[in-house]
Amino acid sequence: MKLDQKLAEDEAKIAASFAEIKNLQKTAYSEENKGTLAWLDNFLRRTGGLRAQLLALKGKGNQDDDFVKQMLRAASVAFGGSRNSDYPKVGISPYSETP
């Protein structure tokens, strides 16, 4: 699958950048690099999840589903779009006391 190969290549490049910045952090600490490392780590985890979902969908062999639907479903699962609720919701809780 071409998409899986491209994702794997990009994942390897980002993993190399992650390792390089992590080593740089050991000698020259930077708050900006700390944020970058967190973002890259999050990206790597989500990309890995997306690739796993794509491989799972490919293995099903279900001809009823359209490829685009499968891609959207895999991306939504990998990037958190499959939540059934809005928990944790930001804002005032209906159970909190009013001042």
PDB file of N, CA and C in Angstrom:
ATOM      1  N   MET A   1       0.848  -1.163   0.000  1.00  0.00           N
ATOM      2  CA  MET A   1       0.000   0.000   0.000  1.00  0.00           C
ATOM      3  C   MET A   1       0.904   1.238   0.000  1.00  0.00           C
ATOM      4  N   LYS A   2       0.701   2.112  -0.976  1.00  0.00           N
ATOM      5  CA  LYS A   2       1.552   3.290  -1.128  1.00  0.00           C
ATOM      6  C   LYS A   2       1.454   4.240   0.059  1.00  0.00           C
ATOM      7  N   LEU A   3       0.252   4.442   0.564  1.00  0.00           N
ATOM      8  CA  LEU A   3       0.066   5.369   1.675  1.00  0.00           C
ATOM      9  C   LEU A   3       0.812   4.896   2.906  1.00  0.00           C
ATOM     10  N   ASP A   4       0.762   3.615   3.190  1.00  0.00           N
ATOM     11  CA  ASP A   4       1.462   3.071   4.343  1.00  0.00           C
ATOM     12  C   ASP A   4       2.969   3.275   4.198  1.00  0.00           C
ATOM     13  N   GLN A   5       3.495   3.077   2.999  1.00  0.00           N
ATOM     14  CA  GLN A   5       4.928   3.274   2.761  1.00  0.00           C
ATOM     15  C   GLN A   5       5.320   4.731   2.971  1.00  0.00           C
ATOM     16  N   LYS A   6       4.502   5.641   2.464  1.00  0.00           N
ATOM     17  CA  LYS A   6       4.781   7.073   2.612  1.00  0.00           C
ATOM     18  C   LYS A   6       4.718   7.468   4.089  1.00  0.00           C
ATOM     19  N   LEU A   7       3.710   6.974   4.803  1.00  0.00           N
ATOM     20  CA  LEU A   7       3.614   7.263   6.233  1.00  0.00           C
ATOM     21  C   LEU A   7       4.822   6.712   6.993  1.00  0.00           C
ATOM     22  N   ALA A   8       5.280   5.519   6.617  1.00  0.00           N
ATOM     23  CA  ALA A   8       6.437   4.911   7.279  1.00  0.00           C
ATOM     24  C   ALA A   8       7.697   5.738   7.026  1.00  0.00           C
ATOM     25  N   GLU A   9       7.855   6.231   5.797  1.00  0.00           N
ATOM     26  CA  GLU A   9       9.016   7.067   5.476  1.00  0.00           C
ATOM     27  C   GLU A   9       8.981   8.369   6.279  1.00  0.00           C
ATOM     28  N   ASP A  10       7.821   9.007   6.305  1.00  0.00           N
ATOM     29  CA  ASP A  10       7.689  10.253   7.057  1.00  0.00           C
ATOM     30  C   ASP A  10       7.886  10.025   8.551  1.00  0.00           C
ATOM     31  N   GLU A  11       7.364   8.905   9.029  1.00  0.00           N
ATOM     32  CA  GLU A  11       7.518   8.571  10.441  1.00  0.00           C
ATOM     33  C   GLU A  11       8.997   8.391  10.792  1.00  0.00           C
ATOM     34  N   ALA A  12       9.758   7.776   9.902  1.00  0.00           N
ATOM     35  CA  ALA A  12      11.190   7.579  10.143  1.00  0.00           C
ATOM     36  C   ALA A  12      11.925   8.921  10.169  1.00  0.00           C
ATOM     37  N   LYS A  13      11.560   9.833   9.275  1.00  0.00           N
ATOM     38  CA  LYS A  13      12.193  11.166   9.259  1.00  0.00           C
ATOM     39  C   LYS A  13      11.893  11.918  10.552  1.00  0.00           C
ATOM     40  N   ILE A  14      10.656  11.856  10.995  1.00  0.00           N
ATOM     41  CA  ILE A  14      10.275  12.568  12.213  1.00  0.00           C
ATOM     42  C   ILE A  14      10.914  11.919  13.431  1.00  0.00           C
ATOM     43  N   ALA A  15      11.025  10.601  13.430  1.00  0.00           N
ATOM     44  CA  ALA A  15      11.693   9.916  14.542  1.00  0.00           C
ATOM     45  C   ALA A  15      13.162  10.327  14.617  1.00  0.00           C
ATOM     46  N   ALA A  16      13.801  10.502  13.463  1.00  0.00           N
ATOM     47  CA  ALA A  16      15.199  10.956  13.444  1.00  0.00           C
ATOM     48  C   ALA A  16      15.306  12.379  13.984  1.00  0.00           C
ATOM     49  N   SER A  17      14.386  13.245  13.584  1.00  0.00           N
ATOM     50  CA  SER A  17      14.378  14.621  14.101  1.00  0.00           C
ATOM     51  C   SER A  17      14.125  14.629  15.608  1.00  0.00           C
ATOM     52  N   PHE A  18      13.219  13.779  16.051  1.00  0.00           N
ATOM     53  CA  PHE A  18      12.907  13.665  17.479  1.00  0.00           C
ATOM     54  C   PHE A  18      14.163  13.285  18.263  1.00  0.00           C
ATOM     55  N   ALA A  19      14.884  12.276  17.780  1.00  0.00           N
ATOM     56  CA  ALA A  19      16.100  11.821  18.462  1.00  0.00           C
ATOM     57  C   ALA A  19      17.165  12.920  18.459  1.00  0.00           C
ATOM     58  N   GLU A  20      17.285  13.643  17.358  1.00  0.00           N
ATOM     59  CA  GLU A  20      18.273  14.716  17.258  1.00  0.00           C
ATOM     60  C   GLU A  20      17.969  15.841  18.257  1.00  0.00           C
ATOM     61  N   ILE A  21      16.708  16.250  18.321  1.00  0.00           N
ATOM     62  CA  ILE A  21      16.320  17.321  19.248  1.00  0.00           C
ATOM     63  C   ILE A  21      16.450  16.852  20.697  1.00  0.00           C
ATOM     64  N   LYS A  22      16.130  15.581  20.939  1.00  0.00           N
ATOM     65  CA  LYS A  22      16.245  15.044  22.295  1.00  0.00           C
ATOM     66  C   LYS A  22      17.701  15.059  22.757  1.00  0.00           C
ATOM     67  N   ASN A  23      18.616  14.709  21.862  1.00  0.00           N
ATOM     68  CA  ASN A  23      20.036  14.752  22.205  1.00  0.00           C
ATOM     69  C   ASN A  23      20.494  16.187  22.410  1.00  0.00           C
ATOM     70  N   LEU A  24      19.989  17.107  21.620  1.00  0.00           N
ATOM     71  CA  LEU A  24      20.322  18.515  21.761  1.00  0.00           C
ATOM     72  C   LEU A  24      19.832  19.056  23.103  1.00  0.00           C
ATOM     73  N   GLN A  25      18.678  18.577  23.545  1.00  0.00           N
ATOM     74  CA  GLN A  25      18.118  19.010  24.832  1.00  0.00           C
ATOM     75  C   GLN A  25      19.039  18.645  26.002  1.00  0.00           C
ATOM     76  N   LYS A  26      19.786  17.559  25.849  1.00  0.00           N
ATOM     77  CA  LYS A  26      20.675  17.128  26.929  1.00  0.00           C
ATOM     78  C   LYS A  26      21.809  18.118  27.157  1.00  0.00           C
ATOM     79  N   THR A  27      22.276  18.753  26.083  1.00  0.00           N
ATOM     80  CA  THR A  27      23.400  19.673  26.206  1.00  0.00           C
ATOM     81  C   THR A  27      22.971  21.136  26.277  1.00  0.00           C
ATOM     82  N   ALA A  28      21.891  21.483  25.589  1.00  0.00           N
ATOM     83  CA  ALA A  28      21.419  22.874  25.564  1.00  0.00           C
ATOM     84  C   ALA A  28      19.904  22.876  25.704  1.00  0.00           C
ATOM     85  N   TYR A  29      19.430  22.906  26.966  1.00  0.00           N
ATOM     86  CA  TYR A  29      18.000  22.842  27.230  1.00  0.00           C
ATOM     87  C   TYR A  29      17.287  24.082  26.697  1.00  0.00           C
ATOM     88  N   SER A  30      16.096  23.835  26.122  1.00  0.00           N
ATOM     89  CA  SER A  30      15.286  24.935  25.597  1.00  0.00           C
ATOM     90  C   SER A  30      13.810  24.596  25.797  1.00  0.00           C
ATOM     91  N   GLU A  31      13.040  25.563  26.266  1.00  0.00           N
ATOM     92  CA  GLU A  31      11.598  25.363  26.435  1.00  0.00           C
ATOM     93  C   GLU A  31      10.930  25.130  25.085  1.00  0.00           C
ATOM     94  N   GLU A  32      11.408  25.828  24.059  1.00  0.00           N
ATOM     95  CA  GLU A  32      10.839  25.656  22.719  1.00  0.00           C
ATOM     96  C   GLU A  32      11.043  24.220  22.230  1.00  0.00           C
ATOM     97  N   ASN A  33      12.233  23.686  22.465  1.00  0.00           N
ATOM     98  CA  ASN A  33      12.493  22.301  22.080  1.00  0.00           C
ATOM     99  C   ASN A  33      11.644  21.322  22.874  1.00  0.00           C
ATOM    100  N   LYS A  34      11.362  21.668  24.122  1.00  0.00           N
ATOM    101  CA  LYS A  34      10.494  20.806  24.945  1.00  0.00           C
ATOM    102  C   LYS A  34       9.110  20.699  24.305  1.00  0.00           C
ATOM    103  N   GLY A  35       8.565  21.831  23.862  1.00  0.00           N
ATOM    104  CA  GLY A  35       7.270  21.827  23.187  1.00  0.00           C
ATOM    105  C   GLY A  35       7.313  21.090  21.861  1.00  0.00           C
ATOM    106  N   THR A  36       8.406  21.275  21.139  1.00  0.00           N
ATOM    107  CA  THR A  36       8.568  20.588  19.857  1.00  0.00           C
ATOM    108  C   THR A  36       8.631  19.083  20.056  1.00  0.00           C
ATOM    109  N   LEU A  37       9.353  18.650  21.084  1.00  0.00           N
ATOM    110  CA  LEU A  37       9.440  17.212  21.376  1.00  0.00           C
ATOM    111  C   LEU A  37       8.073  16.632  21.725  1.00  0.00           C
ATOM    112  N   ALA A  38       7.298  17.373  22.487  1.00  0.00           N
ATOM    113  CA  ALA A  38       5.958  16.894  22.838  1.00  0.00           C
ATOM    114  C   ALA A  38       5.089  16.764  21.594  1.00  0.00           C
ATOM    115  N   TRP A  39       5.175  17.747  20.704  1.00  0.00           N
ATOM    116  CA  TRP A  39       4.384  17.712  19.475  1.00  0.00           C
ATOM    117  C   TRP A  39       4.808  16.548  18.589  1.00  0.00           C
ATOM    118  N   LEU A  40       6.124  16.369  18.428  1.00  0.00           N
ATOM    119  CA  LEU A  40       6.629  15.272  17.591  1.00  0.00           C
ATOM    120  C   LEU A  40       6.246  13.913  18.165  1.00  0.00           C
ATOM    121  N   ASP A  41       6.334  13.776  19.484  1.00  0.00           N
ATOM    122  CA  ASP A  41       5.953  12.510  20.129  1.00  0.00           C
ATOM    123  C   ASP A  41       4.478  12.215  19.879  1.00  0.00           C
ATOM    124  N   ASN A  42       3.638  13.226  20.022  1.00  0.00           N
ATOM    125  CA  ASN A  42       2.203  13.068  19.770  1.00  0.00           C
ATOM    126  C   ASN A  42       1.965  12.666  18.313  1.00  0.00           C
ATOM    127  N   PHE A  43       2.662  13.319  17.393  1.00  0.00           N
ATOM    128  CA  PHE A  43       2.519  13.002  15.977  1.00  0.00           C
ATOM    129  C   PHE A  43       2.929  11.563  15.688  1.00  0.00           C
ATOM    130  N   LEU A  44       4.041  11.134  16.267  1.00  0.00           N
ATOM    131  CA  LEU A  44       4.510   9.762  16.038  1.00  0.00           C
ATOM    132  C   LEU A  44       3.511   8.734  16.559  1.00  0.00           C
ATOM    133  N   ARG A  45       2.946   8.997  17.734  1.00  0.00           N
ATOM    134  CA  ARG A  45       1.961   8.049  18.282  1.00  0.00           C
ATOM    135  C   ARG A  45       0.717   7.990  17.402  1.00  0.00           C
ATOM    136  N   ARG A  46       0.239   9.130  16.959  1.00  0.00           N
ATOM    137  CA  ARG A  46      -0.979   9.152  16.138  1.00  0.00           C
ATOM    138  C   ARG A  46      -0.739   8.568  14.742  1.00  0.00           C
ATOM    139  N   THR A  47       0.425   8.821  14.183  1.00  0.00           N
ATOM    140  CA  THR A  47       0.745   8.244  12.880  1.00  0.00           C
ATOM    141  C   THR A  47       0.838   6.730  12.973  1.00  0.00           C
ATOM    142  N   GLY A  48       1.445   6.247  14.052  1.00  0.00           N
ATOM    143  CA  GLY A  48       1.511   4.800  14.262  1.00  0.00           C
ATOM    144  C   GLY A  48       0.126   4.195  14.390  1.00  0.00           C
ATOM    145  N   GLY A  49      -0.766   4.896  15.084  1.00  0.00           N
ATOM    146  CA  GLY A  49      -2.148   4.431  15.205  1.00  0.00           C
ATOM    147  C   GLY A  49      -2.869   4.420  13.877  1.00  0.00           C
ATOM    148  N   LEU A  50      -2.629   5.452  13.077  1.00  0.00           N
ATOM    149  CA  LEU A  50      -3.240   5.519  11.749  1.00  0.00           C
ATOM    150  C   LEU A  50      -2.755   4.376  10.870  1.00  0.00           C
ATOM    151  N   ARG A  51      -1.467   4.111  10.899  1.00  0.00           N
ATOM    152  CA  ARG A  51      -0.928   3.007  10.093  1.00  0.00           C
ATOM    153  C   ARG A  51      -1.509   1.667  10.548  1.00  0.00           C
ATOM    154  N   ALA A  52      -1.664   1.490  11.853  1.00  0.00           N
ATOM    155  CA  ALA A  52      -2.245   0.245  12.368  1.00  0.00           C
ATOM    156  C   ALA A  52      -3.690   0.100  11.899  1.00  0.00           C
ATOM    157  N   GLN A  53      -4.451   1.189  11.922  1.00  0.00           N
ATOM    158  CA  GLN A  53      -5.836   1.148  11.455  1.00  0.00           C
ATOM    159  C   GLN A  53      -5.902   0.842   9.961  1.00  0.00           C
ATOM    160  N   LEU A  54      -5.018   1.450   9.197  1.00  0.00           N
ATOM    161  CA  LEU A  54      -5.002   1.184   7.752  1.00  0.00           C
ATOM    162  C   LEU A  54      -4.706  -0.277   7.461  1.00  0.00           C
ATOM    163  N   LEU A  55      -3.744  -0.838   8.185  1.00  0.00           N
ATOM    164  CA  LEU A  55      -3.419  -2.249   7.983  1.00  0.00           C
ATOM    165  C   LEU A  55      -4.577  -3.147   8.405  1.00  0.00           C
ATOM    166  N   ALA A  56      -5.268  -2.770   9.470  1.00  0.00           N
ATOM    167  CA  ALA A  56      -6.418  -3.555   9.914  1.00  0.00           C
ATOM    168  C   ALA A  56      -7.537  -3.506   8.881  1.00  0.00           C
ATOM    169  N   LEU A  57      -7.768  -2.329   8.314  1.00  0.00           N
ATOM    170  CA  LEU A  57      -8.815  -2.203   7.292  1.00  0.00           C
ATOM    171  C   LEU A  57      -8.451  -2.963   6.029  1.00  0.00           C
ATOM    172  N   LYS A  58      -7.178  -2.935   5.685  1.00  0.00           N
ATOM    173  CA  LYS A  58      -6.729  -3.653   4.495  1.00  0.00           C
ATOM    174  C   LYS A  58      -6.906  -5.160   4.689  1.00  0.00           C
ATOM    175  N   GLY A  59      -6.659  -5.623   5.902  1.00  0.00           N
ATOM    176  CA  GLY A  59      -6.762  -7.050   6.190  1.00  0.00           C
ATOM    177  C   GLY A  59      -8.184  -7.575   6.190  1.00  0.00           C
ATOM    178  N   LYS A  60      -9.161  -6.688   6.412  1.00  0.00           N
ATOM    179  CA  LYS A  60     -10.549  -7.131   6.455  1.00  0.00           C
ATOM    180  C   LYS A  60     -11.015  -7.676   5.108  1.00  0.00           C
ATOM    181  N   GLY A  61     -10.611  -7.016   4.047  1.00  0.00           N
ATOM    182  CA  GLY A  61     -11.020  -7.454   2.725  1.00  0.00           C
ATOM    183  C   GLY A  61     -12.488  -7.226   2.450  1.00  0.00           C
ATOM    184  N   ASN A  62     -13.106  -6.317   3.163  1.00  0.00           N
ATOM    185  CA  ASN A  62     -14.524  -6.025   2.990  1.00  0.00           C
ATOM    186  C   ASN A  62     -14.725  -5.181   1.735  1.00  0.00           C
ATOM    187  N   GLN A  63     -15.364  -5.738   0.745  1.00  0.00           N
ATOM    188  CA  GLN A  63     -15.563  -5.039  -0.530  1.00  0.00           C
ATOM    189  C   GLN A  63     -16.755  -4.099  -0.486  1.00  0.00           C
ATOM    190  N   ASP A  64     -17.586  -4.177   0.556  1.00  0.00           N
ATOM    191  CA  ASP A  64     -18.764  -3.323   0.646  1.00  0.00           C
ATOM    192  C   ASP A  64     -18.410  -1.878   0.953  1.00  0.00           C
ATOM    193  N   ASP A  65     -17.360  -1.677   1.724  1.00  0.00           N
ATOM    194  CA  ASP A  65     -16.977  -0.328   2.113  1.00  0.00           C
ATOM    195  C   ASP A  65     -16.149   0.339   1.028  1.00  0.00           C
ATOM    196  N   ASP A  66     -16.408   1.583   0.822  1.00  0.00           N
ATOM    197  CA  ASP A  66     -15.650   2.383  -0.117  1.00  0.00           C
ATOM    198  C   ASP A  66     -14.291   2.705   0.501  1.00  0.00           C
ATOM    199  N   PHE A  67     -13.262   2.807  -0.312  1.00  0.00           N
ATOM    200  CA  PHE A  67     -11.918   3.083   0.180  1.00  0.00           C
ATOM    201  C   PHE A  67     -11.860   4.416   0.920  1.00  0.00           C
ATOM    202  N   VAL A  68     -12.549   5.417   0.415  1.00  0.00           N
ATOM    203  CA  VAL A  68     -12.539   6.731   1.052  1.00  0.00           C
ATOM    204  C   VAL A  68     -13.160   6.649   2.447  1.00  0.00           C
ATOM    205  N   LYS A  69     -14.236   5.907   2.592  1.00  0.00           N
ATOM    206  CA  LYS A  69     -14.857   5.734   3.908  1.00  0.00           C
ATOM    207  C   LYS A  69     -13.888   5.054   4.871  1.00  0.00           C
ATOM    208  N   GLN A  70     -13.161   4.063   4.383  1.00  0.00           N
ATOM    209  CA  GLN A  70     -12.192   3.371   5.220  1.00  0.00           C
ATOM    210  C   GLN A  70     -11.080   4.313   5.659  1.00  0.00           C
ATOM    211  N   MET A  71     -10.615   5.156   4.745  1.00  0.00           N
ATOM    212  CA  MET A  71      -9.559   6.111   5.072  1.00  0.00           C
ATOM    213  C   MET A  71     -10.041   7.102   6.126  1.00  0.00           C
ATOM    214  N   LEU A  72     -11.232   7.627   5.947  1.00  0.00           N
ATOM    215  CA  LEU A  72     -11.770   8.585   6.903  1.00  0.00           C
ATOM    216  C   LEU A  72     -11.970   7.956   8.270  1.00  0.00           C
ATOM    217  N   ARG A  73     -12.448   6.723   8.284  1.00  0.00           N
ATOM    218  CA  ARG A  73     -12.637   6.022   9.551  1.00  0.00           C
ATOM    219  C   ARG A  73     -11.298   5.790  10.245  1.00  0.00           C
ATOM    220  N   ALA A  74     -10.284   5.373   9.487  1.00  0.00           N
ATOM    221  CA  ALA A  74      -8.963   5.136  10.066  1.00  0.00           C
ATOM    222  C   ALA A  74      -8.367   6.430  10.605  1.00  0.00           C
ATOM    223  N   ALA A  75      -8.498   7.512   9.860  1.00  0.00           N
ATOM    224  CA  ALA A  75      -7.954   8.799  10.313  1.00  0.00           C
ATOM    225  C   ALA A  75      -8.694   9.303  11.539  1.00  0.00           C
ATOM    226  N   SER A  76     -10.002   9.129  11.571  1.00  0.00           N
ATOM    227  CA  SER A  76     -10.757   9.622  12.721  1.00  0.00           C
ATOM    228  C   SER A  76     -10.413   8.844  13.984  1.00  0.00           C
ATOM    229  N   VAL A  77     -10.183   7.560  13.863  1.00  0.00           N
ATOM    230  CA  VAL A  77      -9.799   6.763  15.030  1.00  0.00           C
ATOM    231  C   VAL A  77      -8.406   7.159  15.491  1.00  0.00           C
ATOM    232  N   ALA A  78      -7.500   7.338  14.552  1.00  0.00           N
ATOM    233  CA  ALA A  78      -6.122   7.662  14.910  1.00  0.00           C
ATOM    234  C   ALA A  78      -5.999   9.050  15.519  1.00  0.00           C
ATOM    235  N   PHE A  79      -6.806   9.985  15.067  1.00  0.00           N
ATOM    236  CA  PHE A  79      -6.680  11.359  15.540  1.00  0.00           C
ATOM    237  C   PHE A  79      -7.790  11.769  16.486  1.00  0.00           C
ATOM    238  N   GLY A  80      -8.477  10.810  17.085  1.00  0.00           N
ATOM    239  CA  GLY A  80      -9.414  11.099  18.163  1.00  0.00           C
ATOM    240  C   GLY A  80     -10.785  11.556  17.733  1.00  0.00           C
ATOM    241  N   GLY A  81     -11.157  11.374  16.495  1.00  0.00           N
ATOM    242  CA  GLY A  81     -12.460  11.827  16.032  1.00  0.00           C
ATOM    243  C   GLY A  81     -13.573  10.830  16.257  1.00  0.00           C
ATOM    244  N   SER A  82     -13.289   9.739  16.918  1.00  0.00           N
ATOM    245  CA  SER A  82     -14.310   8.706  17.084  1.00  0.00           C
ATOM    246  C   SER A  82     -14.964   8.750  18.459  1.00  0.00           C
ATOM    247  N   ARG A  83     -14.767   9.844  19.191  1.00  0.00           N
ATOM    248  CA  ARG A  83     -15.372   9.947  20.518  1.00  0.00           C
ATOM    249  C   ARG A  83     -16.877  10.056  20.405  1.00  0.00           C
ATOM    250  N   ASN A  84     -17.584   9.361  21.289  1.00  0.00           N
ATOM    251  CA  ASN A  84     -19.047   9.402  21.287  1.00  0.00           C
ATOM    252  C   ASN A  84     -19.596  10.563  22.099  1.00  0.00           C
ATOM    253  N   SER A  85     -18.771  11.162  22.927  1.00  0.00           N
ATOM    254  CA  SER A  85     -19.227  12.273  23.760  1.00  0.00           C
ATOM    255  C   SER A  85     -18.209  13.396  23.675  1.00  0.00           C
ATOM    256  N   ASP A  86     -18.534  14.507  24.327  1.00  0.00           N
ATOM    257  CA  ASP A  86     -17.614  15.626  24.336  1.00  0.00           C
ATOM    258  C   ASP A  86     -16.827  15.693  25.646  1.00  0.00           C
ATOM    259  N   TYR A  87     -16.793  14.580  26.391  1.00  0.00           N
ATOM    260  CA  TYR A  87     -16.038  14.532  27.636  1.00  0.00           C
ATOM    261  C   TYR A  87     -14.550  14.552  27.330  1.00  0.00           C
ATOM    262  N   PRO A  88     -13.705  15.235  27.999  1.00  0.00           N
ATOM    263  CA  PRO A  88     -14.008  16.212  29.033  1.00  0.00           C
ATOM    264  C   PRO A  88     -14.426  17.536  28.402  1.00  0.00           C
ATOM    265  N   LYS A  89     -15.546  18.018  28.818  1.00  0.00           N
ATOM    266  CA  LYS A  89     -16.074  19.257  28.273  1.00  0.00           C
ATOM    267  C   LYS A  89     -15.501  20.425  29.071  1.00  0.00           C
ATOM    268  N   VAL A  90     -15.131  21.440  28.370  1.00  0.00           N
ATOM    269  CA  VAL A  90     -14.586  22.626  29.007  1.00  0.00           C
ATOM    270  C   VAL A  90     -15.734  23.533  29.392  1.00  0.00           C
ATOM    271  N   GLY A  91     -15.639  24.119  30.534  1.00  0.00           N
ATOM    272  CA  GLY A  91     -16.664  25.066  30.953  1.00  0.00           C
ATOM    273  C   GLY A  91     -17.160  24.760  32.347  1.00  0.00           C
ATOM    274  N   ILE A  92     -18.197  25.437  32.716  1.00  0.00           N
ATOM    275  CA  ILE A  92     -18.765  25.294  34.055  1.00  0.00           C
ATOM    276  C   ILE A  92     -19.606  24.023  34.113  1.00  0.00           C
ATOM    277  N   SER A  93     -19.391  23.262  35.156  1.00  0.00           N
ATOM    278  CA  SER A  93     -20.149  22.034  35.348  1.00  0.00           C
ATOM    279  C   SER A  93     -21.553  22.381  35.850  1.00  0.00           C
ATOM    280  N   PRO A  94     -22.578  21.681  35.374  1.00  0.00           N
ATOM    281  CA  PRO A  94     -23.920  21.953  35.868  1.00  0.00           C
ATOM    282  C   PRO A  94     -24.073  21.560  37.339  1.00  0.00           C
ATOM    283  N   TYR A  95     -23.125  20.819  37.866  1.00  0.00           N
ATOM    284  CA  TYR A  95     -23.194  20.372  39.251  1.00  0.00           C
ATOM    285  C   TYR A  95     -22.412  21.267  40.205  1.00  0.00           C
ATOM    286  N   SER A  96     -21.730  22.275  39.679  1.00  0.00           N
ATOM    287  CA  SER A  96     -20.951  23.142  40.547  1.00  0.00           C
ATOM    288  C   SER A  96     -21.834  24.206  41.179  1.00  0.00           C
ATOM    289  N   GLU A  97     -21.406  24.654  42.323  1.00  0.00           N
ATOM    290  CA  GLU A  97     -22.175  25.683  43.030  1.00  0.00           C
ATOM    291  C   GLU A  97     -21.970  27.028  42.357  1.00  0.00           C
ATOM    292  N   THR A  98     -23.009  27.834  42.339  1.00  0.00           N
ATOM    293  CA  THR A  98     -22.880  29.176  41.788  1.00  0.00           C
ATOM    294  C   THR A  98     -22.521  30.121  42.926  1.00  0.00           C
ATOM    295  N   PRO A  99     -21.658  31.096  42.665  1.00  0.00           N
ATOM    296  CA  PRO A  99     -21.235  32.001  43.753  1.00  0.00           C
ATOM    297  C   PRO A  99     -22.327  32.937  44.209  1.00  0.00           C
TER     298      PRO A  99
END
